[in-house]
Structure formats: structure tokens, C-alpha cells
C-alpha atoms as a PDB file:
ATOM      1  CA  MET A   1      23.513 -52.359 114.196  1.00  0.00           C
ATOM      2  CA  THR A   2      21.829 -49.226 112.888  1.00  0.00           C
ATOM      3  CA  GLY A   3      21.233 -46.042 114.847  1.00  0.00           C
ATOM      4  CA  ALA A   4      17.498 -46.800 114.793  1.00  0.00           C
ATOM      5  CA  ALA A   5      17.936 -50.036 116.726  1.00  0.00           C
ATOM      6  CA  LYS A   6      16.240 -50.078 120.096  1.00  0.00           C
ATOM      7  CA  THR A   7      18.135 -50.879 123.265  1.00  0.00           C
ATOM      8  CA  PHE A   8      16.088 -52.825 125.793  1.00  0.00           C
ATOM      9  CA  MET A   9      16.107 -52.641 129.564  1.00  0.00           C
ATOM     10  CA  SER A  10      16.807 -49.083 130.650  1.00  0.00           C
ATOM     11  CA  ASP A  11      15.862 -49.836 134.294  1.00  0.00           C
ATOM     12  CA  THR A  12      17.817 -52.862 135.462  1.00  0.00           C
ATOM     13  CA  THR A  13      17.339 -52.725 139.219  1.00  0.00           C
ATOM     14  CA  GLU A  14      15.099 -55.787 139.571  1.00  0.00           C
ATOM     15  CA  TYR A  15      16.917 -58.250 137.316  1.00  0.00           C
ATOM     16  CA  PRO A  16      19.603 -60.820 138.123  1.00  0.00           C
ATOM     17  CA  PRO A  17      23.109 -60.081 136.755  1.00  0.00           C
ATOM     18  CA  ARG A  18      23.114 -63.155 134.484  1.00  0.00           C
ATOM     19  CA  TYR A  19      19.929 -61.965 132.833  1.00  0.00           C
ATOM     20  CA  LEU A  20      21.407 -58.507 132.289  1.00  0.00           C
ATOM     21  CA  GLU A  21      24.474 -60.070 130.681  1.00  0.00           C
ATOM     22  CA  GLY A  22      22.151 -61.771 128.205  1.00  0.00           C
ATOM     23  CA  ILE A  23      20.437 -58.443 127.513  1.00  0.00           C
ATOM     24  CA  GLU A  24      23.802 -56.883 126.647  1.00  0.00           C
ATOM     25  CA  HIS A  25      24.303 -59.558 123.981  1.00  0.00           C
ATOM     26  CA  PHE A  26      20.714 -59.178 122.776  1.00  0.00           C
ATOM     27  CA  ASN A  27      21.142 -55.409 122.371  1.00  0.00           C
ATOM     28  CA  VAL A  28      23.954 -55.921 119.879  1.00  0.00           C
ATOM     29  CA  CYS A  29      21.964 -58.608 118.009  1.00  0.00           C
ATOM     30  CA  ASP A  30      24.153 -61.439 119.298  1.00  0.00           C
ATOM     31  CA  PHE A  31      21.107 -63.642 119.806  1.00  0.00           C
ATOM     32  CA  TYR A  32      22.976 -66.940 120.047  1.00  0.00           C
ATOM     33  CA  GLU A  33      25.223 -65.648 122.828  1.00  0.00           C
ATOM     34  CA  SER A  34      22.270 -64.124 124.691  1.00  0.00           C
ATOM     35  CA  HIS A  35      20.580 -67.531 124.566  1.00  0.00           C
ATOM     36  CA  GLU A  36      23.693 -69.214 125.922  1.00  0.00           C
ATOM     37  CA  VAL A  37      23.877 -66.801 128.861  1.00  0.00           C
ATOM     38  CA  TRP A  38      20.172 -67.167 129.634  1.00  0.00           C
ATOM     39  CA  GLU A  39      20.314 -70.962 129.395  1.00  0.00           C
ATOM     40  CA  ALA A  40      21.711 -71.163 132.932  1.00  0.00           C
ATOM     41  CA  LEU A  41      18.695 -69.264 134.262  1.00  0.00           C
ATOM     42  CA  TRP A  42      16.099 -71.635 132.821  1.00  0.00           C
ATOM     43  CA  ALA A  43      16.722 -74.424 135.333  1.00  0.00           C
ATOM     44  CA  ASP A  44      16.687 -72.040 138.306  1.00  0.00           C
ATOM     45  CA  TYR A  45      13.422 -70.503 137.150  1.00  0.00           C
ATOM     46  CA  GLN A  46      11.906 -73.810 136.013  1.00  0.00           C
ATOM     47  CA  LEU A  47      11.132 -72.093 132.722  1.00  0.00           C
ATOM     48  CA  GLY A  48      11.672 -73.310 129.193  1.00  0.00           C
ATOM     49  CA  ALA A  49      11.285 -71.663 125.805  1.00  0.00           C
ATOM     50  CA  GLU A  50      10.847 -73.106 122.362  1.00  0.00           C
ATOM     51  CA  ILE A  51      11.068 -71.500 118.960  1.00  0.00           C
ATOM     52  CA  ASP A  52       8.922 -73.295 116.414  1.00  0.00           C
ATOM     53  CA  GLY A  53       9.213 -73.092 112.639  1.00  0.00           C
ATOM     54  CA  ARG A  54       6.286 -73.856 110.361  1.00  0.00           C
ATOM     55  CA  GLU A  55       8.223 -76.086 108.023  1.00  0.00           C
ATOM     56  CA  HIS A  56       9.125 -78.701 110.632  1.00  0.00           C
ATOM     57  CA  HIS A  57       6.012 -78.380 112.759  1.00  0.00           C
ATOM     58  CA  ALA A  58       3.610 -78.647 109.831  1.00  0.00           C
ATOM     59  CA  LEU A  59       4.327 -82.358 109.615  1.00  0.00           C
ATOM     60  CA  ALA A  60       1.737 -84.375 111.522  1.00  0.00           C
ATOM     61  CA  ALA A  61       4.316 -86.577 113.249  1.00  0.00           C
ATOM     62  CA  ALA A  62       6.386 -83.577 114.361  1.00  0.00           C
ATOM     63  CA  PHE A  63       3.273 -81.773 115.591  1.00  0.00           C
ATOM     64  CA  ASP A  64       2.221 -84.808 117.638  1.00  0.00           C
ATOM     65  CA  ALA A  65       5.743 -85.327 118.982  1.00  0.00           C
ATOM     66  CA  ASP A  66       5.852 -81.680 120.097  1.00  0.00           C
ATOM     67  CA  ARG A  67       2.595 -82.075 122.016  1.00  0.00           C
ATOM     68  CA  ASP A  68       3.864 -85.250 123.681  1.00  0.00           C
ATOM     69  CA  ARG A  69       7.155 -83.601 124.631  1.00  0.00           C
ATOM     70  CA  GLN A  70       5.378 -80.516 125.957  1.00  0.00           C
ATOM     71  CA  ASN A  71       3.141 -82.675 128.147  1.00  0.00           C
ATOM     72  CA  GLU A  72       6.197 -84.462 129.529  1.00  0.00           C
ATOM     73  CA  ILE A  73       7.864 -81.105 130.229  1.00  0.00           C
ATOM     74  CA  HIS A  74       4.796 -79.827 132.071  1.00  0.00           C
ATOM     75  CA  ALA A  75       4.734 -82.978 134.202  1.00  0.00           C
ATOM     76  CA  THR A  76       8.145 -81.961 135.604  1.00  0.00           C
ATOM     77  CA  GLY A  77       6.766 -78.620 136.805  1.00  0.00           C
ATOM     78  CA  LEU A  78       8.535 -76.638 134.122  1.00  0.00           C
ATOM     79  CA  VAL A  79       6.638 -73.793 132.469  1.00  0.00           C
ATOM     80  CA  LEU A  80       7.175 -73.693 128.711  1.00  0.00           C
ATOM     81  CA  ILE A  81       6.795 -70.532 126.642  1.00  0.00           C
ATOM     82  CA  ARG A  82       6.697 -70.793 122.854  1.00  0.00           C
ATOM     83  CA  PHE A  83       7.506 -68.424 120.016  1.00  0.00           C
ATOM     84  CA  SER A  84       7.357 -68.756 116.265  1.00  0.00           C
ATOM     85  CA  VAL A  85      10.501 -68.177 114.244  1.00  0.00           C
ATOM     86  CA  GLY A  86       8.649 -65.333 112.513  1.00  0.00           C
ATOM     87  CA  LYS A  87       7.917 -63.625 115.837  1.00  0.00           C
ATOM     88  CA  VAL A  88      11.528 -63.912 116.998  1.00  0.00           C
ATOM     89  CA  LEU A  89      12.826 -62.409 113.766  1.00  0.00           C
ATOM     90  CA  SER A  90      10.187 -59.725 113.249  1.00  0.00           C
ATOM     91  CA  GLU A  91       9.307 -58.754 116.837  1.00  0.00           C
ATOM     92  CA  PRO A  92      12.315 -59.388 119.072  1.00  0.00           C
ATOM     93  CA  ALA A  93      11.195 -56.681 121.504  1.00  0.00           C
ATOM     94  CA  GLU A  94       7.896 -58.513 122.058  1.00  0.00           C
ATOM     95  CA  VAL A  95       9.712 -61.832 122.538  1.00  0.00           C
ATOM     96  CA  LEU A  96      11.959 -60.177 125.093  1.00  0.00           C
ATOM     97  CA  ARG A  97       8.968 -58.572 126.862  1.00  0.00           C
ATOM     98  CA  VAL A  98       7.171 -61.920 127.159  1.00  0.00           C
ATOM     99  CA  THR A  99      10.349 -63.664 128.304  1.00  0.00           C
ATOM    100  CA  GLU A 100      11.012 -61.012 130.947  1.00  0.00           C
ATOM    101  CA  ALA A 101       7.425 -61.190 132.196  1.00  0.00           C
ATOM    102  CA  ASN A 102       7.667 -64.965 132.534  1.00  0.00           C
ATOM    103  CA  LEU A 103      11.040 -64.835 134.302  1.00  0.00           C
ATOM    104  CA  LEU A 104       9.734 -62.301 136.800  1.00  0.00           C
ATOM    105  CA  ALA A 105       6.524 -64.288 137.344  1.00  0.00           C
ATOM    106  CA  ARG A 106       8.487 -67.512 137.916  1.00  0.00           C
ATOM    107  CA  ALA A 107      10.876 -65.764 140.301  1.00  0.00           C
ATOM    108  CA  SER A 108       7.881 -64.595 142.319  1.00  0.00           C
ATOM    109  CA  GLN A 109       6.122 -67.981 142.211  1.00  0.00           C
ATOM    110  CA  LEU A 110       9.267 -69.826 143.251  1.00  0.00           C
ATOM    111  CA  ARG A 111      10.344 -67.125 145.707  1.00  0.00           C
ATOM    112  CA  LEU A 112      13.710 -66.762 143.996  1.00  0.00           C
ATOM    113  CA  THR A 113      15.987 -63.915 144.934  1.00  0.00           C
ATOM    114  CA  ARG A 114      18.813 -62.350 143.006  1.00  0.00           C
END
């Protein structure tokens, strides 16, 4: 990681410890491990995230299957946020900002506490 890399989350007072553990991995560009840590939070927060690539999703059948699956997910009460592969790779800070905003919103909606 270069000296110019940005560290996220300077004020951590309102976040659950598991989320902060994921941030620690994210800050050292260990994106897979951060995902694994955050995975446990998704069920509690009734939140899901998908990363979509153009190559696979450009196919008509895959596009239709994604819409069907998303509708089924929404029927369970889960909120699904979506990011493109390009966004994740080029704007990880924005992906993190949107994810944080959704986690905090879900915590409030579901009256979850740390």
C-alpha cells in the first residue's frame, strides 16, 4: 500500500466492532477478508450487496435472471445494494461510503443496537 492510500473511518464511535474489523482489512486492501468479516453483518441488517460485471450481465438470460433473483430477494424483506466491478475497483471509498450509509440506515430502520 502506498503512502498516498487513504485510510477510512477516522471516527468509529457509532459502528459495531465486526464492521470495524472489516474496515481494518479494507484499509490494507485485503478486500476479500473484509467481505468475509462483513458477511456476518448482512443477515442481521437484512442487507445484501452485489457486484456486477458487464461481461456476464450483458447476456440477456443473465440480465433477466438477475432481475428475477433481485425480486425474490426483495420479497424476503432484504434490501439489496449493487455496485459495478468498475466502481469497486476505481472508487472503493465511494463503495464504502454507500455501504456504510446503508448499514446505518438499516440499523435505524430495524432498531438494531451494537
